Amino acid sequence: MTIDDSSDRHKQHPSQEVSPEINTPEISSSKTAQILIVDDDLFMRKILVRYLERENYRVIEAANGLEALKIYQEYQPDIILLDAMMPVLDGFECCSRLQKLPHGDHTPVLIITALEDRESVDRAYEVGASDYVTKPIHWAVLRQRVRRLLEQANLRQQLEAANQQLAVVVQELRRLVSIDGLTQVANRRCLDEYLEQECRRSHREQIPISLVLCDIDFFKNYNDNYGHQEGDHCLQEVAQAISKSTNRPADLVARYGGEEFAIILPNTDAEGGMNVAIRATEIVRSLKLPHDYSKVANHVTISCGVATILPNQDFEAIHLLKSADRALYLAKAEGRNCVRQNTYEPE
């Protein structure tokens, strides 16, 4: 069965009767699909509308390319049947503009044309058409191509939705493998990777970087006397308190190991590192977590060691860690519950 229309400009008389044999589509998802028909030939539009509605599609019409662009933005049809040769705005230019509209490049466009030369076919695909049919239209061919394009669009939507869900899962997995399960701050693996990254950036961009190591004072005594459950609670409270001492997205608080925590401070000089460490000790003190077995206070406190590396020095991440560790050792040796600083000096 064909619709005889030897050219895009040929107009058929309304008295002509076309009664094609129509079969119900096998794909149930096509029944509710909405199709936009764009053709300046009213009789041709009505024939297409009749065919497609009998296939249980929902159909909307546009008489020219400009009208089609407006209707598309209002209705967001599932597929567009677009006549190639129209006045004002032809099908090729209309298709090209559709690609620039929101989600326009995801909507299948089937160009209907009397032009079958290689140049016209190439142009149809260049402007973003998904497929084309030539006049006179063979209904069985049109029906199958419409259904195939709708199936492809449906599969694409399902794939995009699955990819979005997968991206969320992957992001959550990345978060989980980077987080310490008990304290909910970054874990040691994340700390090591981030420190390496930021040390390289510091050297590349010639900016300072500081590191603070924090240790809960007399935590073994706390665990031995209050029990491991209370010890875990103490670690959680201290981790969150230390996290409040930072205020930039680039700063990272991580569990270094046991009762030790680290604060990575990119683009931070020695004074800035000291300020963060002092703030961390004050916030932990303000928790007033009872610690009757501490030798420096009746509540939980921390000692901090601060190290800063200047951009003109040749260094690695291990150097910054060792320098901060020496500063923490000094803080412990000089009474704990305090902050000490050490500037890295190349050997």
Protein backbone atom coordinates (compact mmCIF):
# COMPACT_ATOMS: atom_id res chain seq x y z
CA MET A 1 0.00 0.00 0.00
CA THR A 2 1.40 3.39 -0.96
CA ILE A 3 0.28 6.97 -0.70
CA ASP A 4 0.93 8.29 -4.19
CA ASP A 5 2.49 11.70 -3.94
CA SER A 6 5.10 12.05 -6.64
CA SER A 7 6.63 15.21 -5.19
CA ASP A 8 6.60 17.28 -2.01
CA ARG A 9 4.73 20.04 -3.83
CA HIS A 10 2.06 17.74 -5.32
CA LYS A 11 -1.34 18.21 -3.64
CA GLN A 12 -3.91 15.40 -3.60
CA HIS A 13 -7.63 16.15 -3.81
CA PRO A 14 -9.59 15.52 -0.58
CA SER A 15 -12.11 13.40 -2.47
CA GLN A 16 -9.55 10.64 -2.92
CA GLU A 17 -10.26 7.78 -0.51
CA VAL A 18 -7.39 5.83 1.06
CA SER A 19 -8.30 2.75 3.11
CA PRO A 20 -5.15 0.89 4.09
CA GLU A 21 -5.27 -2.39 5.99
CA ILE A 22 -4.13 -1.53 9.50
CA ASN A 23 -2.85 -4.04 12.08
CA THR A 24 -2.59 -3.31 15.79
CA PRO A 25 1.08 -2.83 16.78
CA GLU A 26 2.66 -5.63 18.74
CA ILE A 27 4.66 -3.28 20.96
CA SER A 28 2.39 -2.07 23.76
CA SER A 29 4.72 0.83 24.66
CA SER A 30 3.97 2.37 21.20
CA LYS A 31 0.22 2.68 21.94
CA THR A 32 0.61 5.77 24.07
CA ALA A 33 3.42 7.38 22.09
CA GLN A 34 2.78 10.90 20.85
CA ILE A 35 3.71 11.78 17.28
CA LEU A 36 4.11 15.26 15.82
CA ILE A 37 3.30 15.43 12.09
CA VAL A 38 4.76 18.42 10.27
CA ASP A 39 3.57 19.03 6.70
CA ASP A 40 2.20 22.08 4.89
CA ASP A 41 -0.07 19.79 2.83
CA LEU A 42 -3.31 19.56 4.83
CA PHE A 43 -4.54 16.48 2.98
CA MET A 44 -1.28 14.64 3.54
CA ARG A 45 -1.40 15.49 7.25
CA LYS A 46 -4.93 14.17 7.58
CA ILE A 47 -4.01 10.92 5.88
CA LEU A 48 -1.05 10.44 8.23
CA VAL A 49 -3.16 11.39 11.25
CA ARG A 50 -5.78 8.83 10.26
CA TYR A 51 -3.21 6.07 9.77
CA LEU A 52 -1.38 6.75 13.01
CA GLU A 53 -4.46 7.20 15.19
CA ARG A 54 -5.75 3.84 13.98
CA GLU A 55 -2.42 2.46 15.22
CA ASN A 56 -3.37 3.90 18.65
CA TYR A 57 -0.78 6.70 18.58
CA ARG A 58 -1.60 10.14 19.90
CA VAL A 59 -1.09 12.65 17.09
CA ILE A 60 -0.53 16.40 16.99
CA GLU A 61 -0.05 18.49 13.86
CA ALA A 62 1.98 21.44 12.62
CA ALA A 63 1.55 23.14 9.24
CA ASN A 64 5.14 24.41 8.94
CA GLY A 65 8.59 24.28 10.51
CA LEU A 66 8.21 27.34 12.74
CA GLU A 67 4.93 26.06 14.14
CA ALA A 68 6.57 22.67 14.72
CA LEU A 69 9.31 24.22 16.86
CA LYS A 70 6.71 25.90 19.10
CA ILE A 71 4.55 22.78 19.38
CA TYR A 72 7.58 20.62 20.14
CA GLN A 73 8.54 22.78 23.13
CA GLU A 74 4.97 22.65 24.44
CA TYR A 75 4.21 18.95 23.98
CA GLN A 76 7.61 17.20 23.84
CA PRO A 77 6.43 14.50 21.41
CA ASP A 78 8.04 11.07 21.30
CA ILE A 79 8.77 11.21 17.55
CA ILE A 80 8.45 13.74 14.72
CA LEU A 81 7.38 12.99 11.14
CA LEU A 82 8.76 15.90 9.17
CA ASP A 83 8.11 16.85 5.56
CA ALA A 84 11.33 17.90 3.85
CA MET A 85 10.02 20.52 1.43
CA MET A 86 7.97 23.27 3.06
CA PRO A 87 7.76 27.04 2.65
CA VAL A 88 9.04 29.47 5.31
CA LEU A 89 11.19 26.86 7.07
CA ASP A 90 11.93 23.58 5.32
CA GLY A 91 12.27 20.24 7.06
CA PHE A 92 16.05 20.21 6.96
CA GLU A 93 16.41 23.57 8.72
CA CYS A 94 13.59 22.68 11.15
CA CYS A 95 15.37 19.45 12.07
CA SER A 96 18.63 21.32 12.57
CA ARG A 97 16.96 23.79 14.94
CA LEU A 98 15.23 20.99 16.82
CA GLN A 99 18.61 19.54 17.76
CA LYS A 100 19.41 22.74 19.68
CA LEU A 101 16.24 22.68 21.80
CA PRO A 102 16.23 20.98 25.24
CA HIS A 103 16.18 17.19 24.64
CA GLY A 104 15.68 17.88 20.93
CA ASP A 105 18.66 15.76 20.00
CA HIS A 106 17.03 12.82 21.83
CA THR A 107 13.75 12.95 19.89
CA PRO A 108 13.69 10.75 16.75
CA VAL A 109 12.97 12.64 13.53
CA LEU A 110 11.69 10.78 10.48
CA ILE A 111 11.97 12.94 7.38
CA ILE A 112 9.42 12.36 4.63
CA THR A 113 10.67 13.45 1.23
CA ALA A 114 10.30 12.95 -2.51
CA LEU A 115 14.03 13.59 -2.82
CA GLU A 116 16.00 10.38 -3.00
CA ASP A 117 19.32 11.63 -4.32
CA ARG A 118 22.48 11.01 -2.31
CA GLU A 119 22.94 14.69 -1.45
CA SER A 120 19.46 14.97 0.08
CA VAL A 121 19.84 11.75 2.05
CA ASP A 122 23.23 12.84 3.38
CA ARG A 123 21.81 16.22 4.34
CA ALA A 124 18.93 14.62 6.24
CA TYR A 125 21.34 12.70 8.46
CA GLU A 126 23.68 15.68 8.81
CA VAL A 127 20.92 17.86 10.30
CA GLY A 128 20.06 15.14 12.84
CA ALA A 129 17.33 13.04 11.23
CA SER A 130 17.08 9.50 12.58
CA ASP A 131 15.75 8.04 9.34
CA TYR A 132 13.79 8.97 6.21
CA VAL A 133 11.07 7.60 3.95
CA THR A 134 10.39 8.64 0.40
CA LYS A 135 7.21 9.51 -1.40
CA PRO A 136 5.02 7.84 -2.48
CA ILE A 137 4.80 6.51 1.08
CA HIS A 138 4.51 2.79 1.59
CA TRP A 139 2.47 2.40 4.77
CA ALA A 140 4.04 -0.88 5.90
CA VAL A 141 7.50 0.70 5.66
CA LEU A 142 6.43 3.85 7.50
CA ARG A 143 4.71 1.82 10.21
CA GLN A 144 7.76 -0.32 10.87
CA ARG A 145 10.16 2.62 10.87
CA VAL A 146 8.02 4.59 13.29
CA ARG A 147 7.82 1.61 15.62
CA ARG A 148 11.56 0.91 15.35
CA LEU A 149 12.48 4.53 16.13
CA LEU A 150 10.15 4.56 19.13
CA GLU A 151 11.68 1.32 20.40
CA GLN A 152 15.17 2.76 20.02
CA ALA A 153 14.17 5.97 21.82
CA ASN A 154 12.59 3.93 24.62
CA LEU A 155 15.71 1.80 24.99
CA ARG A 156 17.84 4.94 25.04
CA GLN A 157 15.73 6.43 27.83
CA GLN A 158 15.97 3.21 29.82
CA LEU A 159 19.73 3.13 29.31
CA GLU A 160 20.12 6.76 30.40
CA ALA A 161 18.00 6.12 33.50
CA ALA A 162 20.06 3.03 34.30
CA ASN A 163 23.28 4.99 33.81
CA GLN A 164 22.04 7.70 36.16
CA GLN A 165 21.20 5.13 38.81
CA LEU A 166 24.56 3.47 38.28
CA ALA A 167 26.34 6.81 38.66
CA VAL A 168 24.60 7.33 42.01
CA VAL A 169 25.62 3.85 43.14
CA VAL A 170 29.22 4.36 42.02
CA GLN A 171 29.38 7.71 43.79
CA GLU A 172 28.07 6.14 46.98
CA LEU A 173 30.54 3.26 46.71
CA ARG A 174 33.39 5.72 46.25
CA ARG A 175 32.20 7.59 49.32
CA LEU A 176 31.99 4.38 51.33
CA VAL A 177 35.48 3.19 50.40
CA SER A 178 36.83 6.62 51.37
CA ILE A 179 35.09 6.90 54.73
CA ASP A 180 36.14 5.48 58.09
CA GLY A 181 33.20 3.38 59.18
CA LEU A 182 33.35 4.33 62.85
CA THR A 183 34.09 8.05 62.79
CA GLN A 184 32.58 8.95 59.38
CA VAL A 185 35.57 11.08 58.42
CA ALA A 186 37.94 10.13 55.60
CA ASN A 187 39.88 6.90 56.08
CA ARG A 188 43.63 6.28 55.83
CA ARG A 189 43.47 5.31 52.18
CA CYS A 190 41.71 8.53 51.28
CA LEU A 191 44.17 10.49 53.43
CA ASP A 192 47.20 9.04 51.66
CA GLU A 193 45.76 9.62 48.18
CA TYR A 194 44.65 13.17 48.90
CA LEU A 195 47.92 14.10 50.57
CA GLU A 196 49.89 12.87 47.56
CA GLN A 197 47.61 14.79 45.23
CA GLU A 198 47.79 18.04 47.16
CA CYS A 199 51.55 17.85 47.67
CA ARG A 200 52.00 17.52 43.91
CA ARG A 201 49.67 20.45 43.35
CA SER A 202 51.51 22.50 45.96
CA HIS A 203 54.80 21.91 44.18
CA ARG A 204 53.28 22.51 40.74
CA GLU A 205 51.46 25.73 41.65
CA GLN A 206 54.11 26.95 44.11
CA ILE A 207 51.75 27.27 47.07
CA PRO A 208 52.27 26.15 50.69
CA ILE A 209 50.55 23.15 52.25
CA SER A 210 50.06 22.38 55.94
CA LEU A 211 49.26 19.19 57.80
CA VAL A 212 47.94 18.81 61.35
CA LEU A 213 48.23 15.51 63.25
CA CYS A 214 45.95 15.18 66.28
CA ASP A 215 46.15 12.58 69.03
CA ILE A 216 43.65 11.99 71.84
CA ASP A 217 45.52 12.34 75.13
CA PHE A 218 45.70 9.18 77.25
CA PHE A 219 43.14 7.39 75.12
CA LYS A 220 44.36 3.95 76.23
CA ASN A 221 43.47 4.87 79.80
CA TYR A 222 40.05 5.99 78.54
CA ASN A 223 39.43 2.71 76.75
CA ASP A 224 40.68 0.55 79.62
CA ASN A 225 38.48 2.23 82.21
CA TYR A 226 35.35 3.25 80.32
CA GLY A 227 35.19 0.30 77.91
CA HIS A 228 35.44 0.00 74.16
CA GLN A 229 31.89 1.15 73.46
CA GLU A 230 32.52 4.41 75.25
CA GLY A 231 35.89 4.56 73.54
CA ASP A 232 34.21 4.30 70.14
CA HIS A 233 31.78 7.04 71.13
CA CYS A 234 34.70 9.23 72.19
CA LEU A 235 36.41 8.72 68.82
CA GLN A 236 33.21 9.67 66.99
CA GLU A 237 32.72 12.84 69.03
CA VAL A 238 36.34 13.93 68.66
CA ALA A 239 36.32 13.27 64.88
CA GLN A 240 33.27 15.46 64.40
CA ALA A 241 34.74 18.15 66.65
CA ILE A 242 37.96 18.24 64.65
CA SER A 243 35.91 18.43 61.43
CA LYS A 244 34.34 21.65 62.70
CA SER A 245 37.75 23.30 62.87
CA THR A 246 37.94 23.50 59.07
CA ASN A 247 35.81 25.74 56.90
CA ARG A 248 36.97 25.16 53.31
CA PRO A 249 35.83 22.41 50.91
CA ALA A 250 39.46 21.62 50.06
CA ASP A 251 40.37 20.86 53.69
CA LEU A 252 40.26 17.17 54.60
CA VAL A 253 39.86 15.59 58.03
CA ALA A 254 40.80 11.91 58.15
CA ARG A 255 41.42 9.16 60.67
CA TYR A 256 45.15 8.55 60.61
CA GLY A 257 45.00 5.42 62.76
CA GLY A 258 43.72 4.39 66.20
CA GLU A 259 43.09 7.58 68.16
CA GLU A 260 45.03 9.82 65.72
CA PHE A 261 43.48 12.14 63.16
CA ALA A 262 44.95 14.27 60.40
CA ILE A 263 43.90 17.56 58.81
CA ILE A 264 45.18 18.31 55.31
CA LEU A 265 45.19 22.04 54.59
CA PRO A 266 46.01 22.87 50.95
CA ASN A 267 47.26 26.37 50.15
CA THR A 268 47.75 27.09 53.87
CA ASP A 269 50.81 28.70 55.42
CA ALA A 270 52.26 28.03 58.89
CA GLU A 271 50.08 30.60 60.61
CA GLY A 272 46.93 29.20 59.02
CA GLY A 273 47.90 25.67 60.05
CA MET A 274 48.42 26.79 63.66
CA ASN A 275 45.05 28.56 63.71
CA VAL A 276 43.23 25.40 62.60
CA ALA A 277 45.07 23.22 65.13
CA ILE A 278 44.35 25.60 68.01
CA ARG A 279 40.69 25.76 66.98
CA ALA A 280 40.52 21.96 66.90
CA THR A 281 41.90 21.64 70.45
CA GLU A 282 39.44 24.25 71.72
CA ILE A 283 36.43 22.57 70.12
CA VAL A 284 37.43 19.18 71.56
CA ARG A 285 37.83 20.73 75.04
CA SER A 286 34.40 22.32 74.72
CA LEU A 287 32.85 18.86 74.40
CA LYS A 288 33.62 18.30 78.08
CA LEU A 289 33.75 14.53 77.61
CA PRO A 290 34.64 13.18 81.09
CA HIS A 291 38.08 11.59 81.35
CA ASP A 292 38.97 10.95 84.98
CA TYR A 293 41.99 8.90 83.94
CA SER A 294 43.73 11.64 81.98
CA LYS A 295 46.86 13.17 83.51
CA VAL A 296 46.29 16.62 81.99
CA ALA A 297 42.58 17.35 82.52
CA ASN A 298 39.36 15.83 83.81
CA HIS A 299 37.93 15.75 80.30
CA VAL A 300 39.07 14.56 76.87
CA THR A 301 41.78 16.67 75.20
CA ILE A 302 43.99 16.35 72.16
CA SER A 303 47.58 17.17 71.27
CA CYS A 304 48.39 18.55 67.84
CA GLY A 305 51.48 18.73 65.66
CA VAL A 306 51.53 21.17 62.74
CA ALA A 307 53.86 21.01 59.75
CA THR A 308 54.08 23.35 56.78
CA ILE A 309 56.05 22.95 53.58
CA LEU A 310 56.87 25.97 51.47
CA PRO A 311 56.56 25.85 47.69
CA ASN A 312 60.23 26.50 46.97
CA GLN A 313 61.25 23.24 48.59
CA ASP A 314 61.65 19.90 46.87
CA PHE A 315 59.52 17.51 48.95
CA GLU A 316 57.27 14.46 48.98
CA ALA A 317 54.18 13.69 51.03
CA ILE A 318 56.19 11.51 53.42
CA HIS A 319 58.29 14.54 54.35
CA LEU A 320 55.21 16.46 55.44
CA LEU A 321 53.96 13.49 57.46
CA LYS A 322 57.30 13.06 59.23
CA SER A 323 57.52 16.76 60.00
CA ALA A 324 54.00 16.81 61.49
CA ASP A 325 54.78 13.65 63.45
CA ARG A 326 57.83 15.31 65.00
CA ALA A 327 55.71 18.31 65.97
CA LEU A 328 53.15 15.98 67.58
CA TYR A 329 55.93 14.25 69.49
CA LEU A 330 57.01 17.64 70.84
CA ALA A 331 53.45 18.42 71.93
CA LYS A 332 53.25 15.15 73.84
CA ALA A 333 56.72 15.60 75.37
CA GLU A 334 55.85 19.10 76.57
CA GLY A 335 52.76 18.12 78.52
CA ARG A 336 50.06 17.27 75.94
CA ASN A 337 46.81 19.20 75.53
CA CYS A 338 48.71 21.70 73.38
CA VAL A 339 49.85 22.54 69.84
CA ARG A 340 53.40 22.50 68.54
CA GLN A 341 54.69 23.41 65.12
CA ASN A 342 57.51 22.20 62.93
CA THR A 343 58.58 23.64 59.57
CA TYR A 344 60.02 21.09 57.20
CA GLU A 345 63.68 21.58 56.37
CA PRO A 346 65.20 19.58 53.51
CA GLU A 347 67.95 17.21 54.60
